[in-house]
N, C-alpha and C. Protein backbone atom coordinates (compact mmCIF):
# COMPACT_ATOMS: atom_id res chain seq x y z
N MET A 1 5.28 -22.20 14.37
CA MET A 1 5.38 -21.46 13.14
C MET A 1 5.12 -22.41 11.97
N VAL A 2 4.35 -21.96 11.02
CA VAL A 2 4.01 -22.78 9.86
C VAL A 2 4.90 -22.38 8.69
N PRO A 3 5.72 -23.31 8.19
CA PRO A 3 6.56 -22.97 7.03
C PRO A 3 5.71 -22.86 5.76
N PHE A 4 6.13 -22.00 4.86
CA PHE A 4 5.42 -21.86 3.59
C PHE A 4 6.40 -21.51 2.49
N GLN A 5 6.01 -21.82 1.28
CA GLN A 5 6.81 -21.53 0.10
C GLN A 5 6.36 -20.21 -0.52
N MET A 6 7.23 -19.63 -1.33
CA MET A 6 6.86 -18.44 -2.10
C MET A 6 5.74 -18.83 -3.07
N VAL A 7 4.78 -17.95 -3.24
CA VAL A 7 3.64 -18.20 -4.12
C VAL A 7 3.79 -17.33 -5.37
N VAL A 8 3.50 -17.91 -6.53
CA VAL A 8 3.56 -17.17 -7.80
C VAL A 8 2.21 -17.24 -8.49
N TYR A 9 1.98 -16.30 -9.37
CA TYR A 9 0.74 -16.26 -10.14
C TYR A 9 0.95 -17.00 -11.45
N LEU A 10 -0.04 -17.81 -11.83
CA LEU A 10 -0.01 -18.53 -13.10
C LEU A 10 -1.05 -17.89 -14.03
N PRO A 11 -0.61 -16.98 -14.91
CA PRO A 11 -1.57 -16.23 -15.74
C PRO A 11 -2.39 -17.09 -16.69
N GLU A 12 -1.82 -18.17 -17.20
CA GLU A 12 -2.56 -19.02 -18.14
C GLU A 12 -3.69 -19.78 -17.45
N GLU A 13 -3.57 -19.96 -16.12
CA GLU A 13 -4.60 -20.68 -15.37
C GLU A 13 -5.36 -19.75 -14.43
N ASP A 14 -4.96 -18.49 -14.35
CA ASP A 14 -5.56 -17.48 -13.49
C ASP A 14 -5.67 -17.98 -12.04
N ARG A 15 -4.54 -18.46 -11.51
CA ARG A 15 -4.51 -18.94 -10.13
C ARG A 15 -3.11 -18.79 -9.56
N TYR A 16 -3.00 -19.01 -8.26
CA TYR A 16 -1.72 -18.94 -7.56
C TYR A 16 -1.29 -20.34 -7.16
N GLU A 17 0.02 -20.53 -7.07
CA GLU A 17 0.56 -21.84 -6.69
C GLU A 17 1.91 -21.64 -6.01
N GLU A 18 2.25 -22.57 -5.11
CA GLU A 18 3.57 -22.54 -4.50
C GLU A 18 4.62 -22.78 -5.58
N ILE A 19 5.70 -22.04 -5.50
CA ILE A 19 6.72 -22.12 -6.54
C ILE A 19 7.33 -23.51 -6.63
N SER A 20 7.34 -24.24 -5.53
CA SER A 20 7.91 -25.60 -5.55
C SER A 20 7.05 -26.57 -6.35
N LYS A 21 5.79 -26.22 -6.61
CA LYS A 21 4.89 -27.10 -7.36
C LYS A 21 4.75 -26.69 -8.82
N VAL A 22 5.51 -25.67 -9.25
CA VAL A 22 5.42 -25.16 -10.61
C VAL A 22 6.64 -25.64 -11.39
N ASN A 23 6.40 -26.19 -12.60
CA ASN A 23 7.56 -26.62 -13.39
C ASN A 23 8.15 -25.43 -14.15
N ASP A 24 9.36 -25.61 -14.65
CA ASP A 24 10.11 -24.52 -15.29
C ASP A 24 9.50 -24.02 -16.59
N THR A 25 8.63 -24.80 -17.22
CA THR A 25 8.06 -24.39 -18.50
C THR A 25 6.83 -23.50 -18.33
N MET A 26 6.29 -23.44 -17.13
CA MET A 26 5.07 -22.65 -16.90
C MET A 26 5.42 -21.16 -16.78
N LYS A 27 4.57 -20.34 -17.35
CA LYS A 27 4.71 -18.89 -17.27
C LYS A 27 4.21 -18.45 -15.89
N THR A 28 5.03 -17.67 -15.18
CA THR A 28 4.65 -17.23 -13.83
C THR A 28 4.76 -15.72 -13.71
N GLY A 29 4.12 -15.20 -12.70
CA GLY A 29 4.22 -13.78 -12.39
C GLY A 29 4.39 -13.59 -10.90
N SER A 30 5.29 -12.71 -10.53
CA SER A 30 5.47 -12.36 -9.12
C SER A 30 6.05 -10.95 -9.05
N ILE A 31 5.75 -10.27 -7.97
CA ILE A 31 6.26 -8.92 -7.76
C ILE A 31 6.75 -8.84 -6.32
N SER A 32 7.98 -8.39 -6.15
CA SER A 32 8.53 -8.22 -4.80
C SER A 32 8.12 -6.87 -4.23
N GLY A 33 8.31 -6.71 -2.94
CA GLY A 33 8.02 -5.43 -2.31
C GLY A 33 8.84 -4.30 -2.89
N THR A 34 10.09 -4.59 -3.22
CA THR A 34 10.95 -3.58 -3.84
C THR A 34 10.41 -3.18 -5.20
N GLN A 35 9.94 -4.15 -5.98
CA GLN A 35 9.36 -3.84 -7.29
C GLN A 35 8.09 -3.02 -7.14
N VAL A 36 7.29 -3.32 -6.13
CA VAL A 36 6.07 -2.53 -5.88
C VAL A 36 6.44 -1.07 -5.69
N ARG A 37 7.44 -0.82 -4.85
CA ARG A 37 7.86 0.57 -4.58
C ARG A 37 8.53 1.21 -5.78
N ASP A 38 9.52 0.52 -6.37
CA ASP A 38 10.36 1.13 -7.41
C ASP A 38 9.72 1.14 -8.80
N ASP A 39 9.05 0.07 -9.18
CA ASP A 39 8.53 -0.05 -10.54
C ASP A 39 7.07 0.37 -10.69
N TYR A 40 6.39 0.57 -9.58
CA TYR A 40 4.97 0.94 -9.66
C TYR A 40 4.68 2.23 -8.90
N LEU A 41 4.76 2.19 -7.58
CA LEU A 41 4.34 3.35 -6.78
C LEU A 41 5.19 4.59 -7.02
N SER A 42 6.50 4.43 -7.16
CA SER A 42 7.37 5.61 -7.30
C SER A 42 7.17 6.34 -8.63
N ILE A 43 6.57 5.68 -9.61
CA ILE A 43 6.34 6.34 -10.90
C ILE A 43 4.85 6.54 -11.19
N GLY A 44 4.00 6.25 -10.19
CA GLY A 44 2.56 6.46 -10.35
C GLY A 44 1.85 5.42 -11.18
N LYS A 45 2.44 4.26 -11.31
CA LYS A 45 1.85 3.18 -12.11
C LYS A 45 0.99 2.29 -11.21
N SER A 46 -0.21 1.93 -11.66
CA SER A 46 -1.10 1.08 -10.88
C SER A 46 -0.59 -0.36 -10.84
N LEU A 47 -0.81 -1.00 -9.70
CA LEU A 47 -0.42 -2.41 -9.56
C LEU A 47 -1.37 -3.29 -10.36
N PRO A 48 -0.88 -4.41 -10.90
CA PRO A 48 -1.74 -5.30 -11.68
C PRO A 48 -2.84 -5.91 -10.80
N THR A 49 -4.00 -6.15 -11.40
CA THR A 49 -5.13 -6.69 -10.64
C THR A 49 -4.89 -8.12 -10.17
N TRP A 50 -4.00 -8.84 -10.83
CA TRP A 50 -3.70 -10.20 -10.35
C TRP A 50 -2.84 -10.15 -9.09
N PHE A 51 -2.20 -9.02 -8.82
CA PHE A 51 -1.33 -8.89 -7.66
C PHE A 51 -2.11 -8.42 -6.43
N THR A 52 -2.99 -7.45 -6.62
CA THR A 52 -3.77 -6.92 -5.51
C THR A 52 -5.08 -6.34 -6.03
N ARG A 53 -6.06 -6.26 -5.15
CA ARG A 53 -7.35 -5.69 -5.55
C ARG A 53 -7.19 -4.21 -5.86
N PRO A 54 -8.00 -3.68 -6.78
CA PRO A 54 -7.89 -2.26 -7.15
C PRO A 54 -8.05 -1.31 -5.95
N GLU A 55 -8.91 -1.67 -4.99
CA GLU A 55 -9.11 -0.82 -3.81
C GLU A 55 -7.81 -0.70 -3.01
N VAL A 56 -7.10 -1.80 -2.87
CA VAL A 56 -5.83 -1.80 -2.14
C VAL A 56 -4.78 -1.01 -2.92
N SER A 57 -4.78 -1.18 -4.23
CA SER A 57 -3.84 -0.45 -5.08
C SER A 57 -4.04 1.06 -4.94
N GLN A 58 -5.29 1.49 -4.90
CA GLN A 58 -5.59 2.92 -4.76
C GLN A 58 -5.09 3.47 -3.43
N ILE A 59 -5.27 2.69 -2.36
CA ILE A 59 -4.81 3.13 -1.04
C ILE A 59 -3.29 3.24 -1.03
N LEU A 60 -2.60 2.27 -1.62
CA LEU A 60 -1.14 2.32 -1.69
C LEU A 60 -0.67 3.51 -2.52
N GLU A 61 -1.36 3.78 -3.63
CA GLU A 61 -0.99 4.91 -4.48
C GLU A 61 -1.14 6.24 -3.74
N GLN A 62 -2.19 6.35 -2.91
CA GLN A 62 -2.39 7.57 -2.13
C GLN A 62 -1.38 7.69 -1.00
N SER A 63 -1.00 6.55 -0.41
CA SER A 63 -0.07 6.55 0.72
C SER A 63 1.38 6.77 0.29
N PHE A 64 1.71 6.36 -0.93
CA PHE A 64 3.08 6.47 -1.44
C PHE A 64 3.07 7.17 -2.80
N PRO A 65 2.81 8.50 -2.82
CA PRO A 65 2.76 9.20 -4.11
C PRO A 65 4.14 9.23 -4.76
N PRO A 66 4.18 9.34 -6.10
CA PRO A 66 5.47 9.43 -6.79
C PRO A 66 6.24 10.68 -6.35
N MET A 67 7.54 10.64 -6.55
CA MET A 67 8.41 11.73 -6.09
C MET A 67 7.98 13.10 -6.61
N HIS A 68 7.51 13.16 -7.87
CA HIS A 68 7.14 14.46 -8.43
C HIS A 68 5.88 15.04 -7.79
N GLN A 69 5.17 14.25 -6.97
CA GLN A 69 3.98 14.74 -6.28
C GLN A 69 4.23 14.95 -4.78
N GLN A 70 5.44 14.65 -4.33
CA GLN A 70 5.77 14.81 -2.91
C GLN A 70 6.37 16.19 -2.68
N GLY A 71 6.15 16.71 -1.51
CA GLY A 71 6.73 17.99 -1.15
C GLY A 71 8.15 17.82 -0.62
N VAL A 72 8.80 18.95 -0.40
CA VAL A 72 10.15 18.92 0.14
C VAL A 72 10.30 20.09 1.11
N CYS A 73 11.12 19.90 2.12
CA CYS A 73 11.38 20.96 3.09
C CYS A 73 12.89 21.18 3.17
N LEU A 74 13.30 22.41 2.96
CA LEU A 74 14.71 22.78 3.11
C LEU A 74 14.82 23.66 4.35
N TRP A 75 15.64 23.26 5.28
CA TRP A 75 15.79 23.98 6.54
C TRP A 75 17.19 24.59 6.56
N PHE A 76 17.24 25.91 6.41
CA PHE A 76 18.52 26.61 6.40
C PHE A 76 18.86 27.08 7.81
N THR A 77 20.07 26.81 8.21
CA THR A 77 20.55 27.32 9.49
C THR A 77 21.83 28.12 9.24
N GLY A 78 22.08 29.06 10.07
CA GLY A 78 23.29 29.86 9.92
C GLY A 78 23.16 31.18 10.66
N LEU A 79 24.24 31.90 10.67
CA LEU A 79 24.27 33.17 11.37
C LEU A 79 23.44 34.22 10.63
N SER A 80 23.05 35.23 11.35
CA SER A 80 22.33 36.35 10.78
C SER A 80 23.18 36.99 9.69
N GLY A 81 22.58 37.28 8.55
CA GLY A 81 23.29 37.91 7.45
C GLY A 81 24.13 36.95 6.62
N ALA A 82 23.95 35.65 6.80
CA ALA A 82 24.75 34.66 6.07
C ALA A 82 24.16 34.33 4.70
N GLY A 83 23.01 34.90 4.35
CA GLY A 83 22.44 34.69 3.03
C GLY A 83 21.37 33.62 2.94
N LYS A 84 20.81 33.26 4.07
CA LYS A 84 19.78 32.21 4.05
C LYS A 84 18.55 32.64 3.25
N THR A 85 18.11 33.86 3.43
CA THR A 85 16.90 34.31 2.74
C THR A 85 17.17 34.69 1.30
N ALA A 86 18.40 34.88 0.93
CA ALA A 86 18.74 35.27 -0.44
C ALA A 86 18.94 34.06 -1.35
N THR A 87 18.88 32.87 -0.79
CA THR A 87 19.10 31.65 -1.59
C THR A 87 17.89 31.39 -2.46
N GLN A 88 18.12 31.14 -3.74
CA GLN A 88 17.03 30.82 -4.67
C GLN A 88 17.16 29.37 -5.11
N ILE A 89 16.03 28.74 -5.23
CA ILE A 89 16.02 27.33 -5.66
C ILE A 89 15.36 27.23 -7.02
C-alpha cells in the first residue's frame, strides 16, 4: 500500500499540492465528499471546475438530483375501510 497525504488546490498557482508541503499563509481550496453532497449536489449547485471536470460534474448532478426534484413513495398499509384512500397529502 502506498501512503499519501491529503491534496489541496492552490488557486493562486492553479495547481494541486500535498497539504504537508503547503505553508499556513497560502490560500487553499478543498472539498470533502460530505460537502459535495450537502453544499453542492443537494441544492443543485455545480461543482467548481478546479475540483472536477464539467463532464463529471454533470454526471454527478444527474445521478444525485436535489431533493425538490426527487420523487417520493408513500406506502399505506392497513385494514379495509381504515381510510387509506381518503388520506390527502
